[in-house]
PDB file of N, CA and C in Angstrom:
ATOM      1  N   MET A   1     114.986 113.925  89.692  1.00  0.00           N
ATOM      2  CA  MET A   1     114.557 113.212  88.521  1.00  0.00           C
ATOM      3  C   MET A   1     114.964 111.742  88.616  1.00  0.00           C
ATOM      4  N   ARG A   2     116.131 111.518  89.186  1.00  0.00           N
ATOM      5  CA  ARG A   2     116.598 110.145  89.309  1.00  0.00           C
ATOM      6  C   ARG A   2     115.626 109.311  90.135  1.00  0.00           C
ATOM      7  N   GLU A   3     114.986 109.951  91.130  1.00  0.00           N
ATOM      8  CA  GLU A   3     114.028 109.241  91.970  1.00  0.00           C
ATOM      9  C   GLU A   3     112.880 108.687  91.129  1.00  0.00           C
ATOM     10  N   PHE A   4     112.456 109.483  90.148  1.00  0.00           N
ATOM     11  CA  PHE A   4     111.374 109.031  89.272  1.00  0.00           C
ATOM     12  C   PHE A   4     111.782 107.766  88.532  1.00  0.00           C
ATOM     13  N   TRP A   5     112.968 107.788  87.964  1.00  0.00           N
ATOM     14  CA  TRP A   5     113.426 106.627  87.195  1.00  0.00           C
ATOM     15  C   TRP A   5     113.671 105.429  88.105  1.00  0.00           C
ATOM     16  N   THR A   6     114.194 105.666  89.301  1.00  0.00           N
ATOM     17  CA  THR A   6     114.422 104.574  90.238  1.00  0.00           C
ATOM     18  C   THR A   6     113.096 103.940  90.655  1.00  0.00           C
ATOM     19  N   ALA A   7     112.091 104.765  90.874  1.00  0.00           N
ATOM     20  CA  ALA A   7     110.779 104.255  91.282  1.00  0.00           C
ATOM     21  C   ALA A   7     110.080 103.535  90.140  1.00  0.00           C
ATOM     22  N   SER A   8     110.347 103.918  88.912  1.00  0.00           N
ATOM     23  CA  SER A   8     109.652 103.298  87.783  1.00  0.00           C
ATOM     24  C   SER A   8     110.262 101.962  87.387  1.00  0.00           C
ATOM     25  N   SER A   9     111.491 101.700  87.770  1.00  0.00           N
ATOM     26  CA  SER A   9     112.144 100.445  87.389  1.00  0.00           C
ATOM     27  C   SER A   9     111.402  99.202  87.879  1.00  0.00           C
ATOM     28  N   PRO A  10     110.997  99.151  89.162  1.00  0.00           N
ATOM     29  CA  PRO A  10     110.268  97.960  89.622  1.00  0.00           C
ATOM     30  C   PRO A  10     108.931  97.757  88.900  1.00  0.00           C
ATOM     31  N   LEU A  11     108.402  98.816  88.318  1.00  0.00           N
ATOM     32  CA  LEU A  11     107.134  98.720  87.603  1.00  0.00           C
ATOM     33  C   LEU A  11     107.312  98.154  86.202  1.00  0.00           C
ATOM     34  N   GLY A  12     108.554  97.986  85.780  1.00  0.00           N
ATOM     35  CA  GLY A  12     108.821  97.434  84.470  1.00  0.00           C
ATOM     36  C   GLY A  12     108.732  98.440  83.343  1.00  0.00           C
ATOM     37  N   LEU A  13     108.797  99.726  83.670  1.00  0.00           N
ATOM     38  CA  LEU A  13     108.752 100.747  82.638  1.00  0.00           C
ATOM     39  C   LEU A  13     110.133 100.876  81.998  1.00  0.00           C
ATOM     40  N   ASN A  14     110.197 100.627  80.720  1.00  0.00           N
ATOM     41  CA  ASN A  14     111.456 100.759  80.013  1.00  0.00           C
ATOM     42  C   ASN A  14     111.689 102.212  79.642  1.00  0.00           C
ATOM     43  N   TYR A  15     112.908 102.640  79.734  1.00  0.00           N
ATOM     44  CA  TYR A  15     113.247 104.002  79.365  1.00  0.00           C
ATOM     45  C   TYR A  15     114.687 104.040  78.879  1.00  0.00           C
ATOM     46  N   ARG A  16     115.009 105.118  78.198  1.00  0.00           N
ATOM     47  CA  ARG A  16     116.362 105.326  77.729  1.00  0.00           C
ATOM     48  C   ARG A  16     116.666 106.810  77.885  1.00  0.00           C
ATOM     49  N   VAL A  17     117.759 107.115  78.553  1.00  0.00           N
ATOM     50  CA  VAL A  17     118.156 108.498  78.745  1.00  0.00           C
ATOM     51  C   VAL A  17     118.900 108.937  77.490  1.00  0.00           C
ATOM     52  N   ILE A  18     118.429 110.027  76.908  1.00  0.00           N
ATOM     53  CA  ILE A  18     119.023 110.544  75.687  1.00  0.00           C
ATOM     54  C   ILE A  18     119.615 111.908  75.981  1.00  0.00           C
ATOM     55  N   GLY A  19     120.879 112.072  75.752  1.00  0.00           N
ATOM     56  CA  GLY A  19     121.499 113.380  75.881  1.00  0.00           C
ATOM     57  C   GLY A  19     121.912 113.790  77.279  1.00  0.00           C
ATOM     58  N   GLY A  20     121.847 112.913  78.238  1.00  0.00           N
ATOM     59  CA  GLY A  20     122.314 113.227  79.578  1.00  0.00           C
ATOM     60  C   GLY A  20     121.521 114.318  80.260  1.00  0.00           C
ATOM     61  N   PRO A  21     122.187 115.135  81.087  1.00  0.00           N
ATOM     62  CA  PRO A  21     121.490 116.146  81.883  1.00  0.00           C
ATOM     63  C   PRO A  21     120.687 117.155  81.058  1.00  0.00           C
ATOM     64  N   ARG A  22     121.105 117.435  79.842  1.00  0.00           N
ATOM     65  CA  ARG A  22     120.380 118.418  79.040  1.00  0.00           C
ATOM     66  C   ARG A  22     118.953 117.962  78.730  1.00  0.00           C
ATOM     67  N   PHE A  23     118.731 116.685  78.772  1.00  0.00           N
ATOM     68  CA  PHE A  23     117.389 116.149  78.558  1.00  0.00           C
ATOM     69  C   PHE A  23     116.413 116.804  79.533  1.00  0.00           C
ATOM     70  N   TYR A  24     116.823 116.941  80.782  1.00  0.00           N
ATOM     71  CA  TYR A  24     115.952 117.496  81.821  1.00  0.00           C
ATOM     72  C   TYR A  24     115.831 119.016  81.736  1.00  0.00           C
ATOM     73  N   GLU A  25     116.639 119.647  80.925  1.00  0.00           N
ATOM     74  CA  GLU A  25     116.564 121.090  80.761  1.00  0.00           C
ATOM     75  C   GLU A  25     115.532 121.497  79.718  1.00  0.00           C
ATOM     76  N   ARG A  26     115.026 120.552  78.963  1.00  0.00           N
ATOM     77  CA  ARG A  26     114.037 120.856  77.933  1.00  0.00           C
ATOM     78  C   ARG A  26     112.719 121.246  78.598  1.00  0.00           C
ATOM     79  N   GLN A  27     112.099 122.282  78.063  1.00  0.00           N
ATOM     80  CA  GLN A  27     110.874 122.822  78.667  1.00  0.00           C
ATOM     81  C   GLN A  27     109.775 121.773  78.761  1.00  0.00           C
ATOM     82  N   GLU A  28     109.559 121.008  77.703  1.00  0.00           N
ATOM     83  CA  GLU A  28     108.473 120.026  77.733  1.00  0.00           C
ATOM     84  C   GLU A  28     108.729 118.914  78.742  1.00  0.00           C
ATOM     85  N   ILE A  29     109.978 118.563  78.977  1.00  0.00           N
ATOM     86  CA  ILE A  29     110.302 117.549  79.983  1.00  0.00           C
ATOM     87  C   ILE A  29     110.059 118.119  81.374  1.00  0.00           C
ATOM     88  N   ARG A  30     110.476 119.354  81.596  1.00  0.00           N
ATOM     89  CA  ARG A  30     110.252 119.980  82.897  1.00  0.00           C
ATOM     90  C   ARG A  30     108.756 120.140  83.172  1.00  0.00           C
ATOM     91  N   ASP A  31     107.983 120.482  82.141  1.00  0.00           N
ATOM     92  CA  ASP A  31     106.535 120.599  82.303  1.00  0.00           C
ATOM     93  C   ASP A  31     105.911 119.244  82.634  1.00  0.00           C
ATOM     94  N   ALA A  32     106.325 118.202  81.908  1.00  0.00           N
ATOM     95  CA  ALA A  32     105.787 116.862  82.159  1.00  0.00           C
ATOM     96  C   ALA A  32     106.116 116.403  83.573  1.00  0.00           C
ATOM     97  N   LEU A  33     107.328 116.662  84.012  1.00  0.00           N
ATOM     98  CA  LEU A  33     107.708 116.290  85.371  1.00  0.00           C
ATOM     99  C   LEU A  33     106.929 117.083  86.403  1.00  0.00           C
ATOM    100  N   ALA A  34     106.619 118.336  86.094  1.00  0.00           N
ATOM    101  CA  ALA A  34     105.809 119.149  87.016  1.00  0.00           C
ATOM    102  C   ALA A  34     104.404 118.558  87.136  1.00  0.00           C
ATOM    103  N   TYR A  35     103.826 118.094  86.011  1.00  0.00           N
ATOM    104  CA  TYR A  35     102.511 117.443  86.076  1.00  0.00           C
ATOM    105  C   TYR A  35     102.585 116.190  86.942  1.00  0.00           C
ATOM    106  N   LEU A  36     103.627 115.391  86.772  1.00  0.00           N
ATOM    107  CA  LEU A  36     103.781 114.174  87.572  1.00  0.00           C
ATOM    108  C   LEU A  36     103.975 114.503  89.050  1.00  0.00           C
ATOM    109  N   ARG A  37     104.766 115.543  89.334  1.00  0.00           N
ATOM    110  CA  ARG A  37     104.962 115.953  90.726  1.00  0.00           C
ATOM    111  C   ARG A  37     103.651 116.384  91.350  1.00  0.00           C
ATOM    112  N   LEU A  38     102.826 117.095  90.596  1.00  0.00           N
ATOM    113  CA  LEU A  38     101.551 117.572  91.125  1.00  0.00           C
ATOM    114  C   LEU A  38     100.578 116.422  91.355  1.00  0.00           C
ATOM    115  N   ILE A  39     100.628 115.416  90.507  1.00  0.00           N
ATOM    116  CA  ILE A  39      99.793 114.231  90.705  1.00  0.00           C
ATOM    117  C   ILE A  39     100.221 113.514  91.984  1.00  0.00           C
ATOM    118  N   ALA A  40     101.524 113.368  92.161  1.00  0.00           N
ATOM    119  CA  ALA A  40     102.049 112.654  93.331  1.00  0.00           C
ATOM    120  C   ALA A  40     101.911 113.471  94.615  1.00  0.00           C
ATOM    121  N   GLN A  41     102.033 114.787  94.500  1.00  0.00           N
ATOM    122  CA  GLN A  41     102.000 115.665  95.670  1.00  0.00           C
ATOM    123  C   GLN A  41     101.172 116.900  95.336  1.00  0.00           C
ATOM    124  N   PRO A  42      99.854 116.847  95.545  1.00  0.00           N
ATOM    125  CA  PRO A  42      98.980 117.964  95.181  1.00  0.00           C
ATOM    126  C   PRO A  42      99.304 119.293  95.881  1.00  0.00           C
ATOM    127  N   ALA A  43     100.082 119.273  96.938  1.00  0.00           N
ATOM    128  CA  ALA A  43     100.428 120.499  97.645  1.00  0.00           C
ATOM    129  C   ALA A  43     101.709 121.144  97.103  1.00  0.00           C
ATOM    130  N   ASP A  44     102.230 120.652  95.994  1.00  0.00           N
ATOM    131  CA  ASP A  44     103.463 121.180  95.408  1.00  0.00           C
ATOM    132  C   ASP A  44     103.147 122.456  94.623  1.00  0.00           C
ATOM    133  N   ASP A  45     103.216 123.583  95.312  1.00  0.00           N
ATOM    134  CA  ASP A  45     102.870 124.864  94.694  1.00  0.00           C
ATOM    135  C   ASP A  45     103.819 125.246  93.559  1.00  0.00           C
ATOM    136  N   LEU A  46     105.094 124.877  93.661  1.00  0.00           N
ATOM    137  CA  LEU A  46     106.035 125.188  92.590  1.00  0.00           C
ATOM    138  C   LEU A  46     105.660 124.473  91.296  1.00  0.00           C
ATOM    139  N   ALA A  47     105.280 123.212  91.406  1.00  0.00           N
ATOM    140  CA  ALA A  47     104.853 122.467  90.218  1.00  0.00           C
ATOM    141  C   ALA A  47     103.579 123.076  89.648  1.00  0.00           C
ATOM    142  N   PHE A  48     102.651 123.462  90.514  1.00  0.00           N
ATOM    143  CA  PHE A  48     101.414 124.075  90.049  1.00  0.00           C
ATOM    144  C   PHE A  48     101.696 125.368  89.301  1.00  0.00           C
ATOM    145  N   GLU A  49     102.573 126.199  89.859  1.00  0.00           N
ATOM    146  CA  GLU A  49     102.895 127.467  89.209  1.00  0.00           C
ATOM    147  C   GLU A  49     103.514 127.254  87.834  1.00  0.00           C
ATOM    148  N   ARG A  50     104.291 126.193  87.690  1.00  0.00           N
ATOM    149  CA  ARG A  50     104.924 125.925  86.398  1.00  0.00           C
ATOM    150  C   ARG A  50     103.887 125.561  85.342  1.00  0.00           C
ATOM    151  N   ILE A  51     102.860 124.822  85.726  1.00  0.00           N
ATOM    152  CA  ILE A  51     101.932 124.287  84.720  1.00  0.00           C
ATOM    153  C   ILE A  51     100.568 124.952  84.711  1.00  0.00           C
ATOM    154  N   VAL A  52     100.355 125.948  85.550  1.00  0.00           N
ATOM    155  CA  VAL A  52      99.031 126.564  85.648  1.00  0.00           C
ATOM    156  C   VAL A  52      98.551 127.071  84.293  1.00  0.00           C
ATOM    157  N   ASN A  53      99.454 127.439  83.428  1.00  0.00           N
ATOM    158  CA  ASN A  53      99.061 127.975  82.131  1.00  0.00           C
ATOM    159  C   ASN A  53      99.720 127.203  80.980  1.00  0.00           C
ATOM    160  N   VAL A  54      99.993 125.894  81.193  1.00  0.00           N
ATOM    161  CA  VAL A  54     100.595 125.038  80.165  1.00  0.00           C
ATOM    162  C   VAL A  54      99.694 123.836  79.959  1.00  0.00           C
ATOM    163  N   PRO A  55      99.065 123.671  78.826  1.00  0.00           N
ATOM    164  CA  PRO A  55      99.062 124.574  77.680  1.00  0.00           C
ATOM    165  C   PRO A  55      98.309 125.856  78.011  1.00  0.00           C
ATOM    166  N   LYS A  56      98.410 126.821  77.137  1.00  0.00           N
ATOM    167  CA  LYS A  56      97.816 128.132  77.389  1.00  0.00           C
ATOM    168  C   LYS A  56      96.328 127.992  77.715  1.00  0.00           C
ATOM    169  N   ARG A  57      95.943 128.606  78.821  1.00  0.00           N
ATOM    170  CA  ARG A  57      94.542 128.547  79.263  1.00  0.00           C
ATOM    171  C   ARG A  57      93.946 129.939  79.374  1.00  0.00           C
ATOM    172  N   GLY A  58      94.683 130.949  78.973  1.00  0.00           N
ATOM    173  CA  GLY A  58      94.171 132.305  79.027  1.00  0.00           C
ATOM    174  C   GLY A  58      94.218 132.923  80.414  1.00  0.00           C
ATOM    175  N   LEU A  59      95.028 132.358  81.297  1.00  0.00           N
ATOM    176  CA  LEU A  59      95.167 132.923  82.636  1.00  0.00           C
ATOM    177  C   LEU A  59      96.306 133.932  82.624  1.00  0.00           C
ATOM    178  N   GLY A  60      95.998 135.138  83.028  1.00  0.00           N
ATOM    179  CA  GLY A  60      97.014 136.179  83.080  1.00  0.00           C
ATOM    180  C   GLY A  60      97.649 136.270  84.450  1.00  0.00           C
ATOM    181  N   ASP A  61      98.616 137.148  84.562  1.00  0.00           N
ATOM    182  CA  ASP A  61      99.308 137.348  85.834  1.00  0.00           C
ATOM    183  C   ASP A  61      98.344 137.802  86.936  1.00  0.00           C
ATOM    184  N   ALA A  62      97.379 138.634  86.574  1.00  0.00           N
ATOM    185  CA  ALA A  62      96.428 139.137  87.578  1.00  0.00           C
ATOM    186  C   ALA A  62      95.581 137.994  88.144  1.00  0.00           C
ATOM    187  N   THR A  63      95.157 137.072  87.284  1.00  0.00           N
ATOM    188  CA  THR A  63      94.353 135.940  87.743  1.00  0.00           C
ATOM    189  C   THR A  63      95.171 135.031  88.644  1.00  0.00           C
ATOM    190  N   VAL A  64      96.404 134.769  88.256  1.00  0.00           N
ATOM    191  CA  VAL A  64      97.277 133.927  89.077  1.00  0.00           C
ATOM    192  C   VAL A  64      97.547 134.605  90.415  1.00  0.00           C
ATOM    193  N   GLN A  65      97.700 135.911  90.407  1.00  0.00           N
ATOM    194  CA  GLN A  65      97.909 136.641  91.657  1.00  0.00           C
ATOM    195  C   GLN A  65      96.677 136.528  92.566  1.00  0.00           C
ATOM    196  N   LEU A  66      95.488 136.630  91.996  1.00  0.00           N
ATOM    197  CA  LEU A  66      94.258 136.441  92.782  1.00  0.00           C
ATOM    198  C   LEU A  66      94.189 135.040  93.377  1.00  0.00           C
ATOM    199  N   LEU A  67      94.613 134.070  92.617  1.00  0.00           N
ATOM    200  CA  LEU A  67      94.637 132.691  93.102  1.00  0.00           C
ATOM    201  C   LEU A  67      95.601 132.551  94.276  1.00  0.00           C
ATOM    202  N   HIS A  68      96.768 133.182  94.165  1.00  0.00           N
ATOM    203  CA  HIS A  68      97.735 133.167  95.272  1.00  0.00           C
ATOM    204  C   HIS A  68      97.116 133.779  96.529  1.00  0.00           C
ATOM    205  N   GLU A  69      96.481 134.911  96.386  1.00  0.00           N
ATOM    206  CA  GLU A  69      95.867 135.582  97.529  1.00  0.00           C
ATOM    207  C   GLU A  69      94.769 134.726  98.147  1.00  0.00           C
ATOM    208  N   HIS A  70      93.957 134.113  97.304  1.00  0.00           N
ATOM    209  CA  HIS A  70      92.879 133.249  97.787  1.00  0.00           C
ATOM    210  C   HIS A  70      93.449 132.056  98.559  1.00  0.00           C
ATOM    211  N   ALA A  71      94.505 131.451  98.023  1.00  0.00           N
ATOM    212  CA  ALA A  71      95.136 130.302  98.693  1.00  0.00           C
ATOM    213  C   ALA A  71      95.729 130.718 100.034  1.00  0.00           C
ATOM    214  N   ARG A  72      96.355 131.880 100.070  1.00  0.00           N
ATOM    215  CA  ARG A  72      96.930 132.356 101.335  1.00  0.00           C
ATOM    216  C   ARG A  72      95.859 132.616 102.378  1.00  0.00           C
ATOM    217  N   ARG A  73      94.763 133.239 101.953  1.00  0.00           N
ATOM    218  CA  ARG A  73      93.665 133.516 102.899  1.00  0.00           C
ATOM    219  C   ARG A  73      93.099 132.228 103.476  1.00  0.00           C
ATOM    220  N   ARG A  74      92.911 131.238 102.628  1.00  0.00           N
ATOM    221  CA  ARG A  74      92.345 129.964 103.086  1.00  0.00           C
ATOM    222  C   ARG A  74      93.389 129.037 103.694  1.00  0.00           C
ATOM    223  N   ARG A  75      94.686 129.396 103.518  1.00  0.00           N
ATOM    224  CA  ARG A  75      95.796 128.570 104.001  1.00  0.00           C
ATOM    225  C   ARG A  75      95.753 127.169 103.416  1.00  0.00           C
ATOM    226  N   VAL A  76      95.636 127.135 102.084  1.00  0.00           N
ATOM    227  CA  VAL A  76      95.592 125.867 101.367  1.00  0.00           C
ATOM    228  C   VAL A  76      96.570 125.938 100.189  1.00  0.00           C
ATOM    229  N   PRO A  77      96.971 124.791  99.644  1.00  0.00           N
ATOM    230  CA  PRO A  77      97.824 124.786  98.454  1.00  0.00           C
ATOM    231  C   PRO A  77      97.095 125.414  97.262  1.00  0.00           C
ATOM    232  N   LEU A  78      97.856 125.868  96.295  1.00  0.00           N
ATOM    233  CA  LEU A  78      97.268 126.524  95.124  1.00  0.00           C
ATOM    234  C   LEU A  78      96.289 125.609  94.386  1.00  0.00           C
ATOM    235  N   LEU A  79      96.636 124.357  94.225  1.00  0.00           N
ATOM    236  CA  LEU A  79      95.741 123.441  93.509  1.00  0.00           C
ATOM    237  C   LEU A  79      94.396 123.333  94.217  1.00  0.00           C
ATOM    238  N   GLN A  80      94.409 123.252  95.513  1.00  0.00           N
ATOM    239  CA  GLN A  80      93.162 123.154  96.274  1.00  0.00           C
ATOM    240  C   GLN A  80      92.369 124.455  96.182  1.00  0.00           C
ATOM    241  N   ALA A  81      93.050 125.580  96.069  1.00  0.00           N
ATOM    242  CA  ALA A  81      92.378 126.876  95.980  1.00  0.00           C
ATOM    243  C   ALA A  81      91.626 127.047  94.666  1.00  0.00           C
ATOM    244  N   THR A  82      91.921 126.228  93.671  1.00  0.00           N
ATOM    245  CA  THR A  82      91.230 126.346  92.388  1.00  0.00           C
ATOM    246  C   THR A  82      89.854 125.712  92.418  1.00  0.00           C
ATOM    247  N   GLY A  83      89.614 124.822  93.360  1.00  0.00           N
ATOM    248  CA  GLY A  83      88.349 124.093  93.415  1.00  0.00           C
ATOM    249  C   GLY A  83      87.321 124.791  94.270  1.00  0.00           C
ATOM    250  N   PRO A  84      86.159 124.153  94.373  1.00  0.00           N
ATOM    251  CA  PRO A  84      85.076 124.743  95.166  1.00  0.00           C
ATOM    252  C   PRO A  84      85.361 124.792  96.648  1.00  0.00           C
TER     253      PRO A  84
END
């Protein structure tokens, strides 16, 4: 997380850390960071798994499992397996 803040400083983005490490334990912060990680690194399967159903999109465990199998067969990241 520190890398994100270090990288944003030269861009002039102002920020204030509230509450120390617990700030990063909040679900919405972890979700937002997962979206940013996926934007920066589309092959980040862990970030994709965290946000695949945030906000709720009606995807169940069976659908996510099919997506995993499809990605493995094609040998591509999960995000790429969702597209055509």
